[in-house]
C-alpha atoms as a PDB file:
ATOM      1  CA  MET A   1     126.155 112.630  92.930  1.00  0.00           C
ATOM      2  CA  ASN A   2     127.123 109.113  94.015  1.00  0.00           C
ATOM      3  CA  THR A   3     123.993 107.127  93.200  1.00  0.00           C
ATOM      4  CA  VAL A   4     125.342 103.872  94.650  1.00  0.00           C
ATOM      5  CA  LYS A   5     126.146 105.475  97.994  1.00  0.00           C
ATOM      6  CA  HIS A   6     122.758 107.198  98.110  1.00  0.00           C
ATOM      7  CA  ASN A   7     120.791 104.059  97.227  1.00  0.00           C
ATOM      8  CA  SER A   8     122.779 102.034  99.736  1.00  0.00           C
ATOM      9  CA  LYS A   9     121.620 104.375 102.484  1.00  0.00           C
ATOM     10  CA  ALA A  10     118.066 104.416 101.087  1.00  0.00           C
ATOM     11  CA  TRP A  11     117.854 100.618 101.139  1.00  0.00           C
ATOM     12  CA  ASP A  12     119.116 100.540 104.716  1.00  0.00           C
ATOM     13  CA  LYS A  13     116.230 102.847 105.575  1.00  0.00           C
ATOM     14  CA  LYS A  14     113.738 100.550 103.807  1.00  0.00           C
ATOM     15  CA  VAL A  15     114.914  97.714 106.057  1.00  0.00           C
ATOM     16  CA  GLU A  16     114.554  99.889 109.143  1.00  0.00           C
ATOM     17  CA  ASP A  17     111.056 100.870 108.025  1.00  0.00           C
ATOM     18  CA  GLY A  18     110.099  97.232 107.558  1.00  0.00           C
ATOM     19  CA  VAL A  19     109.127  97.556 103.893  1.00  0.00           C
ATOM     20  CA  SER A  20     107.538  94.278 102.736  1.00  0.00           C
ATOM     21  CA  TYR A  21     110.124  93.393 100.104  1.00  0.00           C
ATOM     22  CA  THR A  22     112.952  93.561 102.680  1.00  0.00           C
ATOM     23  CA  LYS A  23     111.399  90.764 104.754  1.00  0.00           C
ATOM     24  CA  ALA A  24     113.444  87.585 105.069  1.00  0.00           C
ATOM     25  CA  VAL A  25     111.928  84.165 104.446  1.00  0.00           C
ATOM     26  CA  SER A  26     110.565  82.152 107.363  1.00  0.00           C
ATOM     27  CA  LYS A  27     112.121  79.145 109.063  1.00  0.00           C
ATOM     28  CA  ASP A  28     109.363  77.012 107.544  1.00  0.00           C
ATOM     29  CA  VAL A  29     110.401  78.068 104.037  1.00  0.00           C
ATOM     30  CA  ILE A  30     114.005  77.116 104.818  1.00  0.00           C
ATOM     31  CA  GLU A  31     113.007  73.740 106.228  1.00  0.00           C
ATOM     32  CA  ARG A  32     110.972  72.939 103.107  1.00  0.00           C
ATOM     33  CA  SER A  33     113.865  74.084 100.924  1.00  0.00           C
ATOM     34  CA  LYS A  34     116.199  71.647 102.696  1.00  0.00           C
ATOM     35  CA  LEU A  35     113.787  68.879 101.714  1.00  0.00           C
ATOM     36  CA  GLY A  36     113.798  69.925  98.064  1.00  0.00           C
ATOM     37  CA  ASP A  37     110.557  71.907  98.085  1.00  0.00           C
ATOM     38  CA  TRP A  38     111.924  75.319  97.165  1.00  0.00           C
ATOM     39  CA  ARG A  39     111.128  78.238  94.893  1.00  0.00           C
ATOM     40  CA  ILE A  40     112.331  81.818  94.450  1.00  0.00           C
ATOM     41  CA  THR A  41     111.189  84.890  92.560  1.00  0.00           C
ATOM     42  CA  VAL A  42     113.241  87.425  90.598  1.00  0.00           C
ATOM     43  CA  THR A  43     110.236  89.627  89.784  1.00  0.00           C
ATOM     44  CA  THR A  44     107.212  90.227  92.010  1.00  0.00           C
ATOM     45  CA  GLU A  45     104.803  87.297  92.142  1.00  0.00           C
ATOM     46  CA  LYS A  46     105.637  84.466  89.770  1.00  0.00           C
ATOM     47  CA  PRO A  47     108.231  81.871  90.840  1.00  0.00           C
ATOM     48  CA  VAL A  48     111.143  81.138  88.535  1.00  0.00           C
ATOM     49  CA  PRO A  49     110.481  77.830  86.695  1.00  0.00           C
ATOM     50  CA  ARG A  50     112.403  74.986  88.335  1.00  0.00           C
ATOM     51  CA  GLY A  51     113.475  73.922  84.855  1.00  0.00           C
ATOM     52  CA  TRP A  52     115.627  77.042  84.668  1.00  0.00           C
ATOM     53  CA  PHE A  53     117.896  75.554  87.362  1.00  0.00           C
ATOM     54  CA  PRO A  54     119.987  72.389  87.478  1.00  0.00           C
ATOM     55  CA  GLU A  55     117.978  69.423  88.742  1.00  0.00           C
ATOM     56  CA  LEU A  56     120.163  69.297  91.872  1.00  0.00           C
ATOM     57  CA  LEU A  57     121.806  72.368  93.424  1.00  0.00           C
ATOM     58  CA  SER A  58     124.327  70.514  95.568  1.00  0.00           C
ATOM     59  CA  GLY A  59     127.764  71.990  94.838  1.00  0.00           C
ATOM     60  CA  VAL A  60     126.427  74.549  92.350  1.00  0.00           C
ATOM     61  CA  LYS A  61     128.166  77.897  92.840  1.00  0.00           C
ATOM     62  CA  ILE A  62     125.544  80.642  92.761  1.00  0.00           C
ATOM     63  CA  LEU A  63     125.974  84.412  92.911  1.00  0.00           C
ATOM     64  CA  CYS A  64     122.885  86.270  94.139  1.00  0.00           C
ATOM     65  CA  LEU A  65     123.555  89.602  92.462  1.00  0.00           C
ATOM     66  CA  ALA A  66     122.064  92.706  94.133  1.00  0.00           C
ATOM     67  CA  SER A  67     119.938  90.174  95.985  1.00  0.00           C
ATOM     68  CA  GLY A  68     120.217  90.916  99.709  1.00  0.00           C
ATOM     69  CA  GLY A  69     117.271  90.683 102.064  1.00  0.00           C
ATOM     70  CA  GLY A  70     117.273  87.096 103.286  1.00  0.00           C
ATOM     71  CA  GLN A  71     115.169  85.758 100.437  1.00  0.00           C
ATOM     72  CA  GLN A  72     116.772  84.123  97.372  1.00  0.00           C
ATOM     73  CA  GLY A  73     120.185  83.460  98.930  1.00  0.00           C
ATOM     74  CA  PRO A  74     119.119  81.481 102.020  1.00  0.00           C
ATOM     75  CA  VAL A  75     116.582  79.419 100.032  1.00  0.00           C
ATOM     76  CA  LEU A  76     119.190  78.391  97.466  1.00  0.00           C
ATOM     77  CA  ALA A  77     121.725  77.656 100.203  1.00  0.00           C
ATOM     78  CA  ALA A  78     119.165  75.487 102.007  1.00  0.00           C
ATOM     79  CA  ALA A  79     118.611  73.637  98.727  1.00  0.00           C
ATOM     80  CA  GLY A  80     122.310  72.735  98.677  1.00  0.00           C
ATOM     81  CA  ALA A  81     123.999  75.427  96.590  1.00  0.00           C
ATOM     82  CA  GLU A  82     127.229  77.239  97.465  1.00  0.00           C
ATOM     83  CA  VAL A  83     125.816  80.769  97.659  1.00  0.00           C
ATOM     84  CA  THR A  84     127.394  84.213  97.646  1.00  0.00           C
ATOM     85  CA  VAL A  85     125.142  87.264  98.085  1.00  0.00           C
ATOM     86  CA  ILE A  86     126.316  90.719  97.012  1.00  0.00           C
ATOM     87  CA  ASP A  87     124.292  93.866  97.702  1.00  0.00           C
ATOM     88  CA  ILE A  88     124.903  97.574  98.304  1.00  0.00           C
ATOM     89  CA  SER A  89     122.819  97.566 101.503  1.00  0.00           C
ATOM     90  CA  LYS A  90     124.523  96.478 104.715  1.00  0.00           C
ATOM     91  CA  LYS A  91     121.180  95.957 106.431  1.00  0.00           C
ATOM     92  CA  GLN A  92     119.807  93.842 103.609  1.00  0.00           C
ATOM     93  CA  LEU A  93     122.865  91.605 103.947  1.00  0.00           C
ATOM     94  CA  GLU A  94     122.323  91.433 107.691  1.00  0.00           C
ATOM     95  CA  ASN A  95     118.961  89.804 106.907  1.00  0.00           C
ATOM     96  CA  ASP A  96     120.775  87.103 104.955  1.00  0.00           C
ATOM     97  CA  GLN A  97     123.234  86.559 107.792  1.00  0.00           C
ATOM     98  CA  LEU A  98     120.462  86.283 110.367  1.00  0.00           C
ATOM     99  CA  VAL A  99     118.600  83.661 108.343  1.00  0.00           C
ATOM    100  CA  ALA A 100     121.826  81.744 107.708  1.00  0.00           C
ATOM    101  CA  GLU A 101     122.812  81.722 111.383  1.00  0.00           C
ATOM    102  CA  ALA A 102     119.328  80.777 112.576  1.00  0.00           C
ATOM    103  CA  ASN A 103     119.149  77.845 110.161  1.00  0.00           C
ATOM    104  CA  ASN A 104     122.775  76.669 110.118  1.00  0.00           C
ATOM    105  CA  LEU A 105     123.329  77.633 106.483  1.00  0.00           C
ATOM    106  CA  CYS A 106     126.651  78.262 104.787  1.00  0.00           C
ATOM    107  CA  LEU A 107     126.264  81.631 103.082  1.00  0.00           C
ATOM    108  CA  ARG A 108     128.831  84.255 102.069  1.00  0.00           C
ATOM    109  CA  VAL A 109     127.768  87.921 102.000  1.00  0.00           C
ATOM    110  CA  ILE A 110     129.639  90.830 100.421  1.00  0.00           C
ATOM    111  CA  GLN A 111     128.672  94.495 100.385  1.00  0.00           C
ATOM    112  CA  GLY A 112     129.331  95.859  96.932  1.00  0.00           C
ATOM    113  CA  ASP A 113     128.102  97.384  93.672  1.00  0.00           C
ATOM    114  CA  MET A 114     126.476  95.156  91.024  1.00  0.00           C
ATOM    115  CA  CYS A 115     128.444  97.044  88.344  1.00  0.00           C
ATOM    116  CA  ASP A 116     131.817  96.105  89.857  1.00  0.00           C
ATOM    117  CA  LEU A 117     132.445  92.434  90.586  1.00  0.00           C
ATOM    118  CA  SER A 118     136.235  92.771  90.605  1.00  0.00           C
ATOM    119  CA  MET A 119     136.422  90.820  93.874  1.00  0.00           C
ATOM    120  CA  PHE A 120     135.455  87.694  91.917  1.00  0.00           C
ATOM    121  CA  ASP A 121     137.571  85.674  89.488  1.00  0.00           C
ATOM    122  CA  ASP A 122     136.707  85.051  85.858  1.00  0.00           C
ATOM    123  CA  GLY A 123     134.413  82.037  85.579  1.00  0.00           C
ATOM    124  CA  GLU A 124     133.935  81.713  89.338  1.00  0.00           C
ATOM    125  CA  PHE A 125     130.201  80.919  89.286  1.00  0.00           C
ATOM    126  CA  ASP A 126     127.911  78.379  87.660  1.00  0.00           C
ATOM    127  CA  LEU A 127     124.760  80.476  87.975  1.00  0.00           C
ATOM    128  CA  ILE A 128     123.732  84.057  88.771  1.00  0.00           C
ATOM    129  CA  VAL A 129     120.370  85.069  90.224  1.00  0.00           C
ATOM    130  CA  HIS A 130     119.643  88.752  89.636  1.00  0.00           C
ATOM    131  CA  PRO A 131     116.184  89.924  90.797  1.00  0.00           C
ATOM    132  CA  VAL A 132     114.669  93.265  89.760  1.00  0.00           C
ATOM    133  CA  ALA A 133     117.543  95.515  90.830  1.00  0.00           C
ATOM    134  CA  ASN A 134     119.258  97.122  87.844  1.00  0.00           C
ATOM    135  CA  VAL A 135     116.542  99.760  88.112  1.00  0.00           C
ATOM    136  CA  PHE A 136     118.881 101.326  90.693  1.00  0.00           C
ATOM    137  CA  VAL A 137     121.821 101.921  88.324  1.00  0.00           C
ATOM    138  CA  GLU A 138     121.967 104.418  85.480  1.00  0.00           C
ATOM    139  CA  ASP A 139     124.018 102.293  83.068  1.00  0.00           C
ATOM    140  CA  ILE A 140     123.270  98.565  83.057  1.00  0.00           C
ATOM    141  CA  SER A 141     125.862  97.568  80.470  1.00  0.00           C
ATOM    142  CA  PRO A 142     128.525  96.939  83.173  1.00  0.00           C
ATOM    143  CA  VAL A 143     126.059  94.704  85.039  1.00  0.00           C
ATOM    144  CA  TRP A 144     125.716  92.356  82.061  1.00  0.00           C
ATOM    145  CA  LYS A 145     129.418  92.457  81.208  1.00  0.00           C
ATOM    146  CA  GLU A 146     130.516  91.677  84.763  1.00  0.00           C
ATOM    147  CA  ALA A 147     127.922  88.916  85.082  1.00  0.00           C
ATOM    148  CA  SER A 148     129.284  87.350  81.902  1.00  0.00           C
ATOM    149  CA  ARG A 149     132.865  87.601  83.108  1.00  0.00           C
ATOM    150  CA  VAL A 150     132.324  85.872  86.452  1.00  0.00           C
ATOM    151  CA  LEU A 151     130.195  83.068  84.969  1.00  0.00           C
ATOM    152  CA  LYS A 152     131.703  79.872  83.626  1.00  0.00           C
ATOM    153  CA  ASP A 153     131.209  79.050  79.957  1.00  0.00           C
ATOM    154  CA  ARG A 154     127.597  77.813  79.593  1.00  0.00           C
ATOM    155  CA  GLY A 155     126.822  79.365  82.973  1.00  0.00           C
ATOM    156  CA  VAL A 156     123.281  80.646  83.490  1.00  0.00           C
ATOM    157  CA  LEU A 157     122.054  84.161  84.288  1.00  0.00           C
ATOM    158  CA  ILE A 158     118.495  84.443  85.639  1.00  0.00           C
ATOM    159  CA  SER A 159     117.378  88.074  85.710  1.00  0.00           C
ATOM    160  CA  GLY A 160     114.282  90.050  86.548  1.00  0.00           C
ATOM    161  CA  PHE A 161     113.762  93.601  85.314  1.00  0.00           C
ATOM    162  CA  THR A 162     111.105  96.255  84.849  1.00  0.00           C
ATOM    163  CA  ASN A 163     109.191  96.722  81.627  1.00  0.00           C
ATOM    164  CA  PRO A 164     110.004 100.367  80.722  1.00  0.00           C
ATOM    165  CA  LEU A 165     106.305 101.047  80.101  1.00  0.00           C
ATOM    166  CA  LEU A 166     105.846 101.231  83.872  1.00  0.00           C
ATOM    167  CA  PHE A 167     107.999 104.345  84.026  1.00  0.00           C
ATOM    168  CA  ILE A 168     106.159 106.386  81.414  1.00  0.00           C
ATOM    169  CA  PHE A 169     103.324 107.033  83.888  1.00  0.00           C
ATOM    170  CA  ASP A 170     103.245 109.782  86.510  1.00  0.00           C
ATOM    171  CA  ASP A 171     103.949 108.111  89.856  1.00  0.00           C
ATOM    172  CA  GLU A 172     101.732 110.360  91.991  1.00  0.00           C
ATOM    173  CA  GLU A 173      98.755 109.864  89.674  1.00  0.00           C
ATOM    174  CA  ASP A 174      99.446 106.129  89.586  1.00  0.00           C
ATOM    175  CA  GLN A 175      99.106 105.992  93.380  1.00  0.00           C
ATOM    176  CA  LYS A 176      95.645 107.530  92.954  1.00  0.00           C
ATOM    177  CA  GLY A 177      94.670 104.890  90.429  1.00  0.00           C
ATOM    178  CA  ASN A 178      95.159 107.061  87.338  1.00  0.00           C
ATOM    179  CA  LEU A 179      97.437 106.195  84.423  1.00  0.00           C
ATOM    180  CA  VAL A 180      98.806 109.502  83.123  1.00  0.00           C
ATOM    181  CA  VAL A 181     101.655 109.396  80.602  1.00  0.00           C
ATOM    182  CA  SER A 182     104.300 111.960  81.536  1.00  0.00           C
ATOM    183  CA  ASN A 183     107.813 110.452  81.287  1.00  0.00           C
ATOM    184  CA  ARG A 184     110.250 109.459  78.552  1.00  0.00           C
ATOM    185  CA  ILE A 185     112.414 106.344  78.429  1.00  0.00           C
ATOM    186  CA  PRO A 186     115.262 106.178  79.410  1.00  0.00           C
ATOM    187  CA  TYR A 187     113.978 107.590  82.690  1.00  0.00           C
ATOM    188  CA  SER A 188     115.286 108.764  86.051  1.00  0.00           C
ATOM    189  CA  THR A 189     113.318 109.522  89.202  1.00  0.00           C
ATOM    190  CA  LEU A 190     114.948 112.949  89.272  1.00  0.00           C
ATOM    191  CA  ASP A 191     114.284 113.919  85.631  1.00  0.00           C
ATOM    192  CA  SER A 192     111.191 116.069  86.104  1.00  0.00           C
ATOM    193  CA  MET A 193     112.049 117.500  89.523  1.00  0.00           C
ATOM    194  CA  THR A 194     113.102 121.058  90.261  1.00  0.00           C
ATOM    195  CA  GLU A 195     116.335 121.527  92.223  1.00  0.00           C
ATOM    196  CA  GLU A 196     114.279 122.185  95.356  1.00  0.00           C
ATOM    197  CA  GLU A 197     112.213 119.036  94.826  1.00  0.00           C
ATOM    198  CA  LYS A 198     115.374 117.006  94.274  1.00  0.00           C
ATOM    199  CA  SER A 199     116.849 118.297  97.520  1.00  0.00           C
ATOM    200  CA  VAL A 200     113.756 117.319  99.514  1.00  0.00           C
ATOM    201  CA  TYR A 201     113.547 113.911  97.822  1.00  0.00           C
ATOM    202  CA  LEU A 202     117.188 113.065  98.412  1.00  0.00           C
ATOM    203  CA  LYS A 203     117.150 114.205 102.026  1.00  0.00           C
ATOM    204  CA  ALA A 204     114.232 111.833 102.623  1.00  0.00           C
ATOM    205  CA  ASP A 205     116.529 108.942 101.603  1.00  0.00           C
ATOM    206  CA  GLU A 206     114.251 107.788  98.811  1.00  0.00           C
ATOM    207  CA  THR A 207     115.807 105.493  96.205  1.00  0.00           C
ATOM    208  CA  ILE A 208     116.859 106.913  92.853  1.00  0.00           C
ATOM    209  CA  GLU A 209     115.476 104.680  90.098  1.00  0.00           C
ATOM    210  CA  PHE A 210     116.127 104.422  86.382  1.00  0.00           C
ATOM    211  CA  GLY A 211     113.896 103.128  83.602  1.00  0.00           C
ATOM    212  CA  HIS A 212     115.963 101.350  80.931  1.00  0.00           C
ATOM    213  CA  THR A 213     114.999 100.477  77.397  1.00  0.00           C
ATOM    214  CA  LEU A 214     114.138  96.879  76.474  1.00  0.00           C
ATOM    215  CA  GLU A 215     117.062  97.058  74.062  1.00  0.00           C
ATOM    216  CA  ASP A 216     119.462  97.754  76.935  1.00  0.00           C
ATOM    217  CA  GLN A 217     117.865  95.005  79.017  1.00  0.00           C
ATOM    218  CA  ILE A 218     117.727  92.228  76.400  1.00  0.00           C
ATOM    219  CA  GLN A 219     120.189  93.156  73.654  1.00  0.00           C
ATOM    220  CA  GLY A 220     122.525  94.255  76.446  1.00  0.00           C
ATOM    221  CA  GLN A 221     122.687  90.661  77.656  1.00  0.00           C
ATOM    222  CA  ILE A 222     123.253  89.388  74.121  1.00  0.00           C
ATOM    223  CA  ASP A 223     126.053  91.916  73.559  1.00  0.00           C
ATOM    224  CA  ALA A 224     127.719  90.641  76.748  1.00  0.00           C
ATOM    225  CA  GLY A 225     127.872  87.109  75.340  1.00  0.00           C
ATOM    226  CA  PHE A 226     124.564  85.628  76.456  1.00  0.00           C
ATOM    227  CA  VAL A 227     121.940  83.692  74.530  1.00  0.00           C
ATOM    228  CA  ILE A 228     118.387  84.146  75.830  1.00  0.00           C
ATOM    229  CA  THR A 229     116.809  80.723  76.400  1.00  0.00           C
ATOM    230  CA  GLY A 230     113.713  81.611  78.414  1.00  0.00           C
ATOM    231  CA  LEU A 231     111.410  84.536  79.194  1.00  0.00           C
ATOM    232  CA  TYR A 232     108.228  85.215  81.152  1.00  0.00           C
ATOM    233  CA  GLU A 233     106.276  88.252  82.371  1.00  0.00           C
ATOM    234  CA  ASP A 234     104.897  89.174  85.791  1.00  0.00           C
ATOM    235  CA  ASP A 235     102.810  91.915  87.407  1.00  0.00           C
ATOM    236  CA  PHE A 236     101.874  93.409  90.777  1.00  0.00           C
ATOM    237  CA  GLY A 237      99.257  90.747  91.432  1.00  0.00           C
ATOM    238  CA  GLY A 238      96.401  93.141  90.673  1.00  0.00           C
ATOM    239  CA  ARG A 239      97.558  95.742  93.192  1.00  0.00           C
ATOM    240  CA  ARG A 240      98.318  98.448  90.603  1.00  0.00           C
ATOM    241  CA  PRO A 241      96.055  99.922  87.869  1.00  0.00           C
ATOM    242  CA  ILE A 242      98.502  98.988  85.128  1.00  0.00           C
ATOM    243  CA  ASP A 243      97.961  95.273  85.863  1.00  0.00           C
ATOM    244  CA  THR A 244      94.665  95.545  83.987  1.00  0.00           C
ATOM    245  CA  TYR A 245      96.494  96.386  80.773  1.00  0.00           C
ATOM    246  CA  ILE A 246      99.978  94.861  80.759  1.00  0.00           C
ATOM    247  CA  LYS A 247     102.497  92.997  82.867  1.00  0.00           C
ATOM    248  CA  SER A 248     105.186  95.319  84.223  1.00  0.00           C
ATOM    249  CA  PHE A 249     108.058  92.890  84.812  1.00  0.00           C
ATOM    250  CA  VAL A 250     110.115  90.515  82.708  1.00  0.00           C
ATOM    251  CA  ALA A 251     112.339  87.598  83.693  1.00  0.00           C
ATOM    252  CA  THR A 252     114.917  86.049  81.379  1.00  0.00           C
ATOM    253  CA  ARG A 253     117.114  82.992  81.457  1.00  0.00           C
ATOM    254  CA  ALA A 254     120.355  83.497  79.542  1.00  0.00           C
ATOM    255  CA  VAL A 255     123.293  81.163  78.888  1.00  0.00           C
ATOM    256  CA  LYS A 256     126.846  82.446  78.544  1.00  0.00           C
ATOM    257  CA  MET A 257     128.311  81.280  75.248  1.00  0.00           C
ATOM    258  CA  LYS A 258     132.039  81.613  74.749  1.00  0.00           C
ATOM    259  CA  ILE A 259     132.696  83.933  71.808  1.00  0.00           C
ATOM    260  CA  LYS A 260     135.306  82.439  69.458  1.00  0.00           C
END
């Protein structure tokens, strides 16, 4: 099946349903960002350190990769960056457009797949912001390779991703507050489902998610020509049982180094 097409439709539905993480930032957030008081997240709770960005964003070309929803893109544009947002969800991108229009921001939006950035030139961007999103593609190697290609030499990639430990637990039991190990990594939402269960799940327009190994997440960036220069962990803010034991998300800062 076409996972990208399915997840595009599923994300449109999340916007229609008003899911919390599809909510655009407020006008107040944009106004503060214009004054230099800005912050974004690429995981769940913890803001990205300001030291991971250039001191001033004016003129910095930023690609918000799989980052629609009216959150990171508008904030960075308000802070002075030249921002392009690419996402598979048309409705998520509409959120970005609405915030941009309401606040007189210059923001380019493109509907597309994070694994295929062929619409961009080599070395087109200074910085890429990539929040937790590669969970929605089966093979993340193309994501890292394409990110490297479209970044300038010494360009920065700021990424958030899921610690694979989160996916080893049974989701239904997790919702009840129980941590029951039942899945292997690499993981897919559909792995343990019968054909009938898959049919019901897919018809409900639920997202298909994939749990990737830490090797694919971190060594994958290195293999694509990046050097990891920063890392931190994040969690659900105490909303999930697993927060008691480990943080479920990782953010990395990586610098593209030209391979000679």
